[in-house]
N, C-alpha and C. Protein backbone atom coordinates (compact mmCIF):
# COMPACT_ATOMS: atom_id res chain seq x y z
N UNK A 1 -1.40 -25.89 27.00
CA UNK A 1 -2.41 -25.87 25.96
C UNK A 1 -2.43 -24.53 25.25
N UNK A 2 -2.55 -24.56 23.96
CA UNK A 2 -2.57 -23.34 23.16
C UNK A 2 -4.00 -22.82 23.04
N UNK A 3 -4.11 -21.50 23.13
CA UNK A 3 -5.44 -20.89 23.03
C UNK A 3 -5.45 -19.83 21.93
N UNK A 4 -6.65 -19.49 21.52
CA UNK A 4 -6.85 -18.44 20.51
C UNK A 4 -7.88 -17.46 21.05
N UNK A 5 -7.75 -16.21 20.63
CA UNK A 5 -8.73 -15.19 20.97
C UNK A 5 -9.72 -15.05 19.83
N UNK A 6 -10.99 -15.23 20.14
CA UNK A 6 -12.04 -15.09 19.14
C UNK A 6 -12.60 -13.67 19.21
N UNK A 7 -12.72 -13.05 18.06
CA UNK A 7 -13.29 -11.71 17.99
C UNK A 7 -14.76 -11.80 17.61
N UNK A 8 -15.42 -10.68 17.61
CA UNK A 8 -16.82 -10.61 17.22
C UNK A 8 -17.00 -11.13 15.79
N UNK A 9 -16.05 -10.77 14.95
CA UNK A 9 -16.07 -11.22 13.55
C UNK A 9 -15.99 -12.75 13.47
N UNK A 10 -15.06 -13.34 14.26
CA UNK A 10 -14.89 -14.79 14.27
C UNK A 10 -16.17 -15.48 14.73
N UNK A 11 -16.72 -14.94 15.79
CA UNK A 11 -17.91 -15.55 16.38
C UNK A 11 -19.09 -15.48 15.41
N UNK A 12 -19.24 -14.34 14.75
CA UNK A 12 -20.33 -14.20 13.77
C UNK A 12 -20.18 -15.21 12.63
N UNK A 13 -18.95 -15.43 12.18
CA UNK A 13 -18.73 -16.41 11.11
C UNK A 13 -19.07 -17.83 11.58
N UNK A 14 -18.67 -18.17 12.82
CA UNK A 14 -19.00 -19.50 13.36
C UNK A 14 -20.51 -19.68 13.49
N UNK A 15 -21.17 -18.64 14.01
CA UNK A 15 -22.62 -18.71 14.19
C UNK A 15 -23.30 -18.91 12.83
N UNK A 16 -22.87 -18.15 11.83
CA UNK A 16 -23.45 -18.24 10.49
C UNK A 16 -23.25 -19.65 9.92
N UNK A 17 -22.02 -20.18 10.05
CA UNK A 17 -21.74 -21.52 9.51
C UNK A 17 -22.57 -22.58 10.23
N UNK A 18 -22.74 -22.43 11.55
CA UNK A 18 -23.54 -23.40 12.32
C UNK A 18 -24.99 -23.39 11.85
N UNK A 19 -25.52 -22.17 11.65
CA UNK A 19 -26.92 -22.06 11.21
C UNK A 19 -27.09 -22.58 9.80
N UNK A 20 -26.10 -22.34 8.94
CA UNK A 20 -26.17 -22.86 7.57
C UNK A 20 -26.18 -24.38 7.55
N UNK A 21 -25.52 -25.00 8.53
CA UNK A 21 -25.51 -26.46 8.66
C UNK A 21 -26.79 -26.98 9.30
N UNK A 22 -27.60 -26.06 9.82
CA UNK A 22 -28.86 -26.46 10.46
C UNK A 22 -28.66 -27.07 11.85
N UNK A 23 -27.58 -26.70 12.53
CA UNK A 23 -27.28 -27.25 13.85
C UNK A 23 -27.66 -26.27 14.95
N UNK A 24 -28.11 -26.81 16.06
CA UNK A 24 -28.33 -25.96 17.24
C UNK A 24 -27.01 -25.88 18.01
N UNK A 25 -26.96 -24.95 18.96
CA UNK A 25 -25.76 -24.84 19.79
C UNK A 25 -25.54 -26.14 20.57
N UNK A 26 -26.63 -26.72 21.06
CA UNK A 26 -26.52 -27.95 21.84
C UNK A 26 -25.97 -29.10 20.98
N UNK A 27 -26.46 -29.22 19.75
CA UNK A 27 -26.01 -30.29 18.86
C UNK A 27 -24.52 -30.13 18.53
N UNK A 28 -24.09 -28.91 18.24
CA UNK A 28 -22.69 -28.67 17.92
C UNK A 28 -21.81 -28.95 19.13
N UNK A 29 -22.25 -28.49 20.30
CA UNK A 29 -21.48 -28.71 21.54
C UNK A 29 -21.30 -30.22 21.76
N UNK A 30 -22.36 -30.99 21.58
CA UNK A 30 -22.29 -32.44 21.77
C UNK A 30 -21.34 -33.07 20.74
N UNK A 31 -21.35 -32.60 19.50
CA UNK A 31 -20.51 -33.17 18.46
C UNK A 31 -19.01 -32.93 18.73
N UNK A 32 -18.68 -31.79 19.37
CA UNK A 32 -17.27 -31.49 19.60
C UNK A 32 -16.82 -31.84 21.02
N UNK A 33 -17.76 -32.33 21.84
CA UNK A 33 -17.40 -32.82 23.16
C UNK A 33 -17.23 -31.75 24.24
N UNK A 34 -18.04 -30.70 24.17
CA UNK A 34 -18.03 -29.71 25.25
C UNK A 34 -19.46 -29.51 25.72
N UNK A 35 -19.62 -28.82 26.82
CA UNK A 35 -20.97 -28.61 27.36
C UNK A 35 -21.70 -27.55 26.56
N UNK A 36 -23.04 -27.62 26.64
CA UNK A 36 -23.88 -26.63 25.96
C UNK A 36 -23.53 -25.22 26.46
N UNK A 37 -23.32 -25.12 27.77
CA UNK A 37 -23.02 -23.83 28.40
C UNK A 37 -21.70 -23.25 27.86
N UNK A 38 -20.68 -24.10 27.71
CA UNK A 38 -19.38 -23.64 27.21
C UNK A 38 -19.52 -23.13 25.78
N UNK A 39 -20.24 -23.91 24.93
CA UNK A 39 -20.39 -23.46 23.55
C UNK A 39 -21.22 -22.18 23.49
N UNK A 40 -22.25 -22.08 24.31
CA UNK A 40 -23.07 -20.87 24.34
C UNK A 40 -22.23 -19.66 24.72
N UNK A 41 -21.31 -19.83 25.66
CA UNK A 41 -20.42 -18.73 26.07
C UNK A 41 -19.47 -18.35 24.93
N UNK A 42 -19.00 -19.34 24.15
CA UNK A 42 -18.12 -19.07 23.02
C UNK A 42 -18.89 -18.25 21.97
N UNK A 43 -20.08 -18.72 21.61
CA UNK A 43 -20.83 -18.07 20.54
C UNK A 43 -21.43 -16.73 20.97
N UNK A 44 -21.64 -16.53 22.25
CA UNK A 44 -22.15 -15.23 22.71
C UNK A 44 -21.03 -14.22 22.89
N UNK A 45 -19.79 -14.70 22.86
CA UNK A 45 -18.64 -13.80 23.02
C UNK A 45 -18.21 -13.62 24.45
N UNK A 46 -18.88 -14.29 25.37
CA UNK A 46 -18.50 -14.21 26.78
C UNK A 46 -17.15 -14.86 27.01
N UNK A 47 -16.91 -15.95 26.28
CA UNK A 47 -15.63 -16.67 26.37
C UNK A 47 -14.89 -16.44 25.05
N UNK A 48 -13.90 -15.54 25.09
CA UNK A 48 -13.17 -15.22 23.86
C UNK A 48 -11.87 -16.01 23.75
N UNK A 49 -11.30 -16.40 24.86
CA UNK A 49 -10.06 -17.17 24.86
C UNK A 49 -10.44 -18.66 24.86
N UNK A 50 -10.21 -19.31 23.70
CA UNK A 50 -10.70 -20.68 23.51
C UNK A 50 -9.53 -21.59 23.15
N UNK A 51 -9.56 -22.79 23.70
CA UNK A 51 -8.53 -23.79 23.41
C UNK A 51 -8.50 -24.08 21.92
N UNK A 52 -7.30 -24.17 21.37
CA UNK A 52 -7.14 -24.36 19.92
C UNK A 52 -7.75 -25.68 19.45
N UNK A 53 -7.73 -26.69 20.30
CA UNK A 53 -8.34 -27.98 19.92
C UNK A 53 -9.83 -27.83 19.72
N UNK A 54 -10.47 -27.04 20.57
CA UNK A 54 -11.92 -26.82 20.43
C UNK A 54 -12.21 -26.06 19.14
N UNK A 55 -11.39 -25.05 18.87
CA UNK A 55 -11.57 -24.28 17.63
C UNK A 55 -11.39 -25.19 16.42
N UNK A 56 -10.40 -26.06 16.47
CA UNK A 56 -10.18 -27.00 15.36
C UNK A 56 -11.37 -27.93 15.18
N UNK A 57 -11.95 -28.40 16.28
CA UNK A 57 -13.12 -29.28 16.20
C UNK A 57 -14.31 -28.53 15.61
N UNK A 58 -14.52 -27.29 16.06
CA UNK A 58 -15.62 -26.48 15.52
C UNK A 58 -15.40 -26.29 14.02
N UNK A 59 -14.17 -25.97 13.64
CA UNK A 59 -13.85 -25.76 12.22
C UNK A 59 -14.13 -27.02 11.41
N UNK A 60 -13.78 -28.18 11.95
CA UNK A 60 -13.98 -29.45 11.26
C UNK A 60 -15.48 -29.72 11.06
N UNK A 61 -16.25 -29.58 12.12
CA UNK A 61 -17.69 -29.87 12.05
C UNK A 61 -18.40 -28.88 11.11
N UNK A 62 -17.97 -27.60 11.13
CA UNK A 62 -18.63 -26.59 10.31
C UNK A 62 -18.05 -26.50 8.89
N UNK A 63 -17.12 -27.41 8.58
CA UNK A 63 -16.46 -27.43 7.27
C UNK A 63 -15.77 -26.11 6.93
N UNK A 64 -15.10 -25.55 7.92
CA UNK A 64 -14.28 -24.37 7.69
C UNK A 64 -12.86 -24.88 7.56
N UNK A 65 -12.18 -24.54 6.44
CA UNK A 65 -10.83 -25.06 6.26
C UNK A 65 -9.91 -24.53 7.34
N UNK A 66 -8.83 -25.26 7.60
CA UNK A 66 -7.89 -24.85 8.64
C UNK A 66 -7.27 -23.50 8.33
N UNK A 67 -6.97 -23.22 7.06
CA UNK A 67 -6.42 -21.91 6.72
C UNK A 67 -7.40 -20.83 7.11
N UNK A 68 -8.69 -21.06 6.81
CA UNK A 68 -9.71 -20.08 7.15
C UNK A 68 -9.82 -19.93 8.66
N UNK A 69 -9.82 -21.06 9.37
CA UNK A 69 -10.01 -20.96 10.81
C UNK A 69 -8.81 -20.31 11.47
N UNK A 70 -7.60 -20.60 10.97
CA UNK A 70 -6.42 -19.96 11.55
C UNK A 70 -6.44 -18.47 11.24
N UNK A 71 -6.85 -18.14 10.01
CA UNK A 71 -6.94 -16.73 9.64
C UNK A 71 -8.05 -16.07 10.44
N UNK A 72 -9.10 -16.83 10.65
CA UNK A 72 -10.28 -16.28 11.30
C UNK A 72 -10.06 -16.05 12.79
N UNK A 73 -9.33 -16.91 13.46
CA UNK A 73 -9.28 -16.83 14.92
C UNK A 73 -7.97 -16.31 15.49
N UNK A 74 -6.93 -16.23 14.75
CA UNK A 74 -5.68 -15.68 15.28
C UNK A 74 -5.77 -14.17 15.25
N UNK A 75 -6.18 -13.61 16.34
CA UNK A 75 -6.37 -12.17 16.43
C UNK A 75 -5.57 -11.63 17.60
N UNK A 76 -5.32 -10.33 17.54
CA UNK A 76 -4.63 -9.66 18.62
C UNK A 76 -5.64 -8.87 19.42
N UNK A 77 -5.55 -8.97 20.72
CA UNK A 77 -6.44 -8.22 21.58
C UNK A 77 -5.80 -6.86 21.86
N UNK A 78 -6.55 -5.78 21.60
CA UNK A 78 -6.03 -4.44 21.85
C UNK A 78 -7.06 -3.62 22.61
N UNK A 79 -6.59 -2.59 23.27
CA UNK A 79 -7.48 -1.65 23.95
C UNK A 79 -7.59 -0.43 23.05
N UNK A 80 -8.82 -0.06 22.73
CA UNK A 80 -9.06 1.06 21.82
C UNK A 80 -9.55 2.24 22.64
N UNK A 81 -8.88 3.40 22.52
CA UNK A 81 -9.35 4.59 23.23
C UNK A 81 -10.79 4.93 22.82
N UNK A 82 -11.54 5.53 23.73
CA UNK A 82 -12.96 5.81 23.52
C UNK A 82 -13.21 6.64 22.26
N UNK A 83 -12.41 7.66 22.01
CA UNK A 83 -12.58 8.53 20.85
C UNK A 83 -12.44 7.73 19.55
N UNK A 84 -11.42 6.89 19.50
CA UNK A 84 -11.19 6.07 18.30
C UNK A 84 -12.32 5.06 18.13
N UNK A 85 -12.76 4.46 19.25
CA UNK A 85 -13.84 3.48 19.16
C UNK A 85 -15.12 4.15 18.64
N UNK A 86 -15.37 5.38 19.09
CA UNK A 86 -16.54 6.12 18.62
C UNK A 86 -16.44 6.36 17.11
N UNK A 87 -15.25 6.77 16.65
CA UNK A 87 -15.04 6.99 15.22
C UNK A 87 -15.19 5.69 14.44
N UNK A 88 -14.67 4.58 15.00
CA UNK A 88 -14.80 3.28 14.33
C UNK A 88 -16.26 2.84 14.24
N UNK A 89 -17.04 3.08 15.30
CA UNK A 89 -18.47 2.74 15.29
C UNK A 89 -19.20 3.52 14.20
N UNK A 90 -18.87 4.81 14.09
CA UNK A 90 -19.47 5.66 13.07
C UNK A 90 -19.09 5.14 11.68
N UNK A 91 -17.82 4.83 11.49
CA UNK A 91 -17.33 4.31 10.21
C UNK A 91 -17.98 2.96 9.90
N UNK A 92 -18.15 2.13 10.92
CA UNK A 92 -18.79 0.82 10.75
C UNK A 92 -20.20 0.98 10.22
N UNK A 93 -20.97 1.89 10.82
CA UNK A 93 -22.34 2.13 10.35
C UNK A 93 -22.34 2.72 8.94
N UNK A 94 -21.43 3.65 8.70
CA UNK A 94 -21.36 4.31 7.40
C UNK A 94 -21.05 3.33 6.28
N UNK A 95 -20.13 2.39 6.52
CA UNK A 95 -19.71 1.43 5.50
C UNK A 95 -20.56 0.16 5.51
N UNK A 96 -21.36 -0.03 6.55
CA UNK A 96 -22.22 -1.21 6.63
C UNK A 96 -21.53 -2.48 7.09
N UNK A 97 -20.45 -2.35 7.85
CA UNK A 97 -19.76 -3.53 8.37
C UNK A 97 -20.59 -4.16 9.49
N UNK A 98 -20.40 -5.48 9.70
CA UNK A 98 -21.14 -6.19 10.73
C UNK A 98 -20.53 -6.04 12.12
N UNK A 99 -19.21 -5.80 12.17
CA UNK A 99 -18.54 -5.76 13.47
C UNK A 99 -17.40 -4.75 13.46
N UNK A 100 -16.94 -4.41 14.66
CA UNK A 100 -15.77 -3.53 14.78
C UNK A 100 -14.53 -4.22 14.23
N UNK A 101 -14.43 -5.53 14.44
CA UNK A 101 -13.27 -6.28 13.94
C UNK A 101 -13.17 -6.16 12.42
N UNK A 102 -14.30 -6.30 11.76
CA UNK A 102 -14.34 -6.19 10.31
C UNK A 102 -13.95 -4.76 9.88
N UNK A 103 -14.41 -3.77 10.63
CA UNK A 103 -14.10 -2.37 10.34
C UNK A 103 -12.60 -2.11 10.50
N UNK A 104 -12.04 -2.59 11.60
CA UNK A 104 -10.60 -2.41 11.86
C UNK A 104 -9.78 -3.13 10.79
N UNK A 105 -10.18 -4.34 10.43
CA UNK A 105 -9.48 -5.09 9.39
C UNK A 105 -9.47 -4.31 8.09
N UNK A 106 -10.61 -3.73 7.73
CA UNK A 106 -10.70 -2.91 6.52
C UNK A 106 -9.74 -1.72 6.60
N UNK A 107 -9.75 -1.02 7.73
CA UNK A 107 -8.89 0.16 7.90
C UNK A 107 -7.41 -0.21 7.80
N UNK A 108 -7.03 -1.29 8.46
CA UNK A 108 -5.63 -1.72 8.43
C UNK A 108 -5.23 -2.12 7.01
N UNK A 109 -6.09 -2.88 6.34
CA UNK A 109 -5.81 -3.31 4.97
C UNK A 109 -5.65 -2.10 4.05
N UNK A 110 -6.55 -1.12 4.18
CA UNK A 110 -6.45 0.09 3.36
C UNK A 110 -5.15 0.84 3.63
N UNK A 111 -4.78 0.94 4.91
CA UNK A 111 -3.54 1.65 5.25
C UNK A 111 -2.32 0.93 4.69
N UNK A 112 -2.30 -0.39 4.81
CA UNK A 112 -1.16 -1.16 4.28
C UNK A 112 -1.09 -1.06 2.76
N UNK A 113 -2.25 -1.11 2.11
CA UNK A 113 -2.28 -0.97 0.66
C UNK A 113 -1.75 0.40 0.26
N UNK A 114 -2.22 1.44 0.97
CA UNK A 114 -1.76 2.80 0.69
C UNK A 114 -0.25 2.92 0.93
N UNK A 115 0.22 2.29 2.02
CA UNK A 115 1.66 2.32 2.33
C UNK A 115 2.47 1.69 1.21
N UNK A 116 2.02 0.53 0.73
CA UNK A 116 2.73 -0.16 -0.35
C UNK A 116 2.69 0.64 -1.64
N UNK A 117 1.55 1.28 -1.92
CA UNK A 117 1.45 2.10 -3.12
C UNK A 117 2.38 3.31 -3.04
N UNK A 118 2.41 3.95 -1.85
CA UNK A 118 3.31 5.10 -1.68
C UNK A 118 4.76 4.67 -1.81
N UNK A 119 5.10 3.50 -1.22
CA UNK A 119 6.47 3.00 -1.31
C UNK A 119 6.81 2.72 -2.77
N UNK A 120 5.89 2.09 -3.47
CA UNK A 120 6.10 1.79 -4.90
C UNK A 120 6.21 3.09 -5.68
N UNK A 121 5.33 4.04 -5.38
CA UNK A 121 5.34 5.33 -6.05
C UNK A 121 6.67 6.05 -5.81
N UNK A 122 7.17 6.01 -4.60
CA UNK A 122 8.44 6.65 -4.28
C UNK A 122 9.58 5.98 -5.05
N UNK A 123 9.58 4.66 -5.09
CA UNK A 123 10.62 3.95 -5.82
C UNK A 123 10.56 4.28 -7.31
N UNK A 124 9.35 4.35 -7.86
CA UNK A 124 9.20 4.70 -9.27
C UNK A 124 9.67 6.13 -9.53
N UNK A 125 9.35 7.05 -8.61
CA UNK A 125 9.77 8.43 -8.76
C UNK A 125 11.29 8.55 -8.73
N UNK A 126 11.92 7.81 -7.85
CA UNK A 126 13.39 7.83 -7.79
C UNK A 126 13.98 7.29 -9.08
N UNK A 127 13.41 6.19 -9.58
CA UNK A 127 13.89 5.62 -10.85
C UNK A 127 13.69 6.61 -12.00
N UNK A 128 12.53 7.27 -12.02
CA UNK A 128 12.25 8.24 -13.07
C UNK A 128 13.21 9.42 -13.00
N UNK A 129 13.47 9.93 -11.79
CA UNK A 129 14.42 11.03 -11.64
C UNK A 129 15.82 10.63 -12.12
N UNK A 130 16.21 9.42 -11.80
CA UNK A 130 17.52 8.93 -12.23
C UNK A 130 17.59 8.83 -13.75
N UNK A 131 16.51 8.34 -14.37
CA UNK A 131 16.48 8.23 -15.83
C UNK A 131 16.55 9.62 -16.47
N UNK A 132 15.81 10.57 -15.92
CA UNK A 132 15.83 11.93 -16.46
C UNK A 132 17.22 12.53 -16.32
N UNK A 133 17.81 12.36 -15.16
CA UNK A 133 19.16 12.88 -14.92
C UNK A 133 20.16 12.28 -15.91
N UNK A 134 20.11 10.94 -16.06
CA UNK A 134 21.03 10.27 -17.00
C UNK A 134 20.83 10.75 -18.43
N UNK A 135 19.57 10.90 -18.84
CA UNK A 135 19.28 11.37 -20.18
C UNK A 135 19.79 12.79 -20.37
N UNK A 136 19.55 13.65 -19.38
CA UNK A 136 20.02 15.02 -19.45
C UNK A 136 21.54 15.08 -19.59
N UNK A 137 22.23 14.28 -18.76
CA UNK A 137 23.71 14.26 -18.81
C UNK A 137 24.20 13.80 -20.18
N UNK A 138 23.58 12.76 -20.74
CA UNK A 138 23.99 12.27 -22.06
C UNK A 138 23.76 13.33 -23.14
N UNK A 139 22.61 14.00 -23.07
CA UNK A 139 22.32 15.04 -24.06
C UNK A 139 23.28 16.21 -23.93
N UNK A 140 23.62 16.57 -22.71
CA UNK A 140 24.59 17.66 -22.50
C UNK A 140 25.97 17.27 -23.04
N UNK A 141 26.34 16.02 -22.84
CA UNK A 141 27.62 15.54 -23.39
C UNK A 141 27.61 15.64 -24.91
N UNK A 142 26.47 15.24 -25.53
CA UNK A 142 26.37 15.32 -26.99
C UNK A 142 26.49 16.78 -27.46
N UNK A 143 25.76 17.67 -26.78
CA UNK A 143 25.81 19.08 -27.16
C UNK A 143 27.22 19.65 -26.98
N UNK A 144 27.86 19.30 -25.89
CA UNK A 144 29.22 19.77 -25.64
C UNK A 144 30.17 19.26 -26.72
N UNK A 145 30.01 17.98 -27.07
CA UNK A 145 30.84 17.38 -28.11
C UNK A 145 30.62 18.10 -29.45
N UNK A 146 29.35 18.32 -29.81
CA UNK A 146 29.03 19.02 -31.06
C UNK A 146 29.55 20.45 -31.03
N UNK A 147 29.42 21.10 -29.88
CA UNK A 147 29.93 22.47 -29.74
C UNK A 147 31.44 22.51 -29.95
N UNK A 148 32.15 21.55 -29.39
CA UNK A 148 33.61 21.49 -29.57
C UNK A 148 33.98 21.25 -31.03
N UNK A 149 33.23 20.40 -31.71
CA UNK A 149 33.49 20.15 -33.13
C UNK A 149 33.27 21.45 -33.92
N UNK A 150 32.17 22.13 -33.64
CA UNK A 150 31.88 23.39 -34.35
C UNK A 150 32.97 24.44 -34.08
N UNK A 151 33.43 24.51 -32.85
CA UNK A 151 34.53 25.45 -32.53
C UNK A 151 35.78 25.12 -33.34
N UNK A 152 36.11 23.83 -33.39
CA UNK A 152 37.30 23.41 -34.14
C UNK A 152 37.16 23.74 -35.62
N UNK A 153 35.99 23.50 -36.19
CA UNK A 153 35.76 23.79 -37.61
C UNK A 153 35.89 25.30 -37.85
N UNK A 154 35.28 26.08 -37.00
CA UNK A 154 35.34 27.54 -37.15
C UNK A 154 36.78 28.05 -37.02
N UNK A 155 37.49 27.49 -36.06
CA UNK A 155 38.89 27.90 -35.87
C UNK A 155 39.70 27.59 -37.13
N UNK A 156 39.53 26.43 -37.70
CA UNK A 156 40.28 26.05 -38.92
C UNK A 156 39.91 26.96 -40.10
N UNK A 157 38.63 27.26 -40.25
CA UNK A 157 38.19 28.13 -41.35
C UNK A 157 38.79 29.53 -41.18
N UNK A 158 38.73 30.02 -39.93
CA UNK A 158 39.26 31.37 -39.66
C UNK A 158 40.77 31.43 -39.89
N UNK A 159 41.48 30.41 -39.52
CA UNK A 159 42.93 30.37 -39.75
C UNK A 159 43.24 30.32 -41.24
N UNK A 160 42.47 29.52 -41.94
CA UNK A 160 42.69 29.37 -43.38
C UNK A 160 42.48 30.70 -44.12
N UNK A 161 41.41 31.41 -43.71
CA UNK A 161 41.06 32.66 -44.39
C UNK A 161 41.65 33.88 -43.68
N UNK A 162 42.47 33.64 -42.68
CA UNK A 162 43.13 34.70 -41.92
C UNK A 162 42.11 35.68 -41.32
N UNK A 163 41.14 35.11 -40.60
CA UNK A 163 40.09 35.92 -39.95
C UNK A 163 40.33 35.86 -38.44
N UNK A 164 40.17 36.99 -37.78
CA UNK A 164 40.33 37.05 -36.33
C UNK A 164 39.04 36.54 -35.67
N UNK A 165 39.15 35.45 -34.96
CA UNK A 165 37.97 34.81 -34.33
C UNK A 165 37.35 35.71 -33.27
N UNK A 166 38.17 36.38 -32.50
CA UNK A 166 37.65 37.21 -31.42
C UNK A 166 36.80 38.36 -31.98
N UNK A 167 37.25 38.97 -33.03
CA UNK A 167 36.48 40.06 -33.65
C UNK A 167 35.18 39.50 -34.22
N UNK A 168 35.27 38.36 -34.89
CA UNK A 168 34.08 37.73 -35.46
C UNK A 168 33.07 37.36 -34.35
N UNK A 169 33.56 36.81 -33.25
CA UNK A 169 32.70 36.42 -32.13
C UNK A 169 31.99 37.66 -31.58
N UNK A 170 32.73 38.76 -31.36
CA UNK A 170 32.15 39.99 -30.82
C UNK A 170 31.10 40.55 -31.78
N UNK A 171 31.38 40.54 -33.06
CA UNK A 171 30.40 41.00 -34.06
C UNK A 171 29.11 40.16 -33.98
N UNK A 172 29.27 38.87 -33.83
CA UNK A 172 28.11 37.97 -33.76
C UNK A 172 27.29 38.22 -32.48
N UNK A 173 27.97 38.42 -31.34
CA UNK A 173 27.29 38.73 -30.06
C UNK A 173 26.52 40.03 -30.20
N UNK A 174 27.14 41.05 -30.80
CA UNK A 174 26.45 42.32 -31.01
C UNK A 174 25.21 42.13 -31.88
N UNK A 175 25.35 41.38 -32.94
CA UNK A 175 24.23 41.11 -33.84
C UNK A 175 23.08 40.42 -33.10
N UNK A 176 23.41 39.39 -32.30
CA UNK A 176 22.37 38.66 -31.55
C UNK A 176 21.67 39.56 -30.54
N UNK A 177 22.42 40.42 -29.89
CA UNK A 177 21.80 41.31 -28.90
C UNK A 177 20.84 42.28 -29.58
N UNK A 178 21.17 42.77 -30.77
CA UNK A 178 20.28 43.66 -31.52
C UNK A 178 19.01 42.92 -31.93
N UNK A 179 19.17 41.70 -32.42
CA UNK A 179 18.02 40.90 -32.85
C UNK A 179 17.11 40.62 -31.65
N UNK A 180 17.70 40.28 -30.52
CA UNK A 180 16.91 39.98 -29.32
C UNK A 180 16.15 41.22 -28.87
N UNK A 181 16.82 42.39 -28.86
CA UNK A 181 16.17 43.63 -28.45
C UNK A 181 15.05 44.00 -29.43
N UNK A 182 15.27 43.83 -30.70
CA UNK A 182 14.25 44.19 -31.69
C UNK A 182 13.03 43.29 -31.58
N UNK A 183 13.20 42.03 -31.14
CA UNK A 183 12.05 41.13 -30.99
C UNK A 183 11.18 41.52 -29.81
N UNK A 184 11.78 42.22 -28.84
CA UNK A 184 11.01 42.66 -27.67
C UNK A 184 10.02 43.74 -28.04
N UNK A 185 10.31 44.54 -29.08
CA UNK A 185 9.47 45.69 -29.44
C UNK A 185 8.49 45.33 -30.50
């Protein structure tokens, strides 16, 4: 037989649904074919490991869809260290949660959301870096190409007019260094 572990959160939802239907524990127990004592133990949290057939019957009577009941009751039992439990209790009161299960669910959901956002952010950053790198490389290629064209044009002009390129280049470097120094003052 398959069983499910009911948490405080699950039990509170069942209790709320039962009360909304206007049923007593005894009436619900009779409708699903278990003893009053067994149902009382389920709803009080004394009996957390419950047969899946009983959970399905409770879900049917309380009009909880199967997706909801499976989501609601498939839980993992864990041992929480005292320090963490104390912090969770404080967080539960601070945020106004009804149970520790609800508090833990919130914390896990927030962590997973943050993890997915960081993963997405990292992937976007990598894509952005790649785009910047590719753009930079293309622009450098364009500048290099233009520089080579300008060199070729200058070389042809200098040959035509019988001008020494090296002397002209040195004169231009000297001129630029003077202009740069004069701008500093």
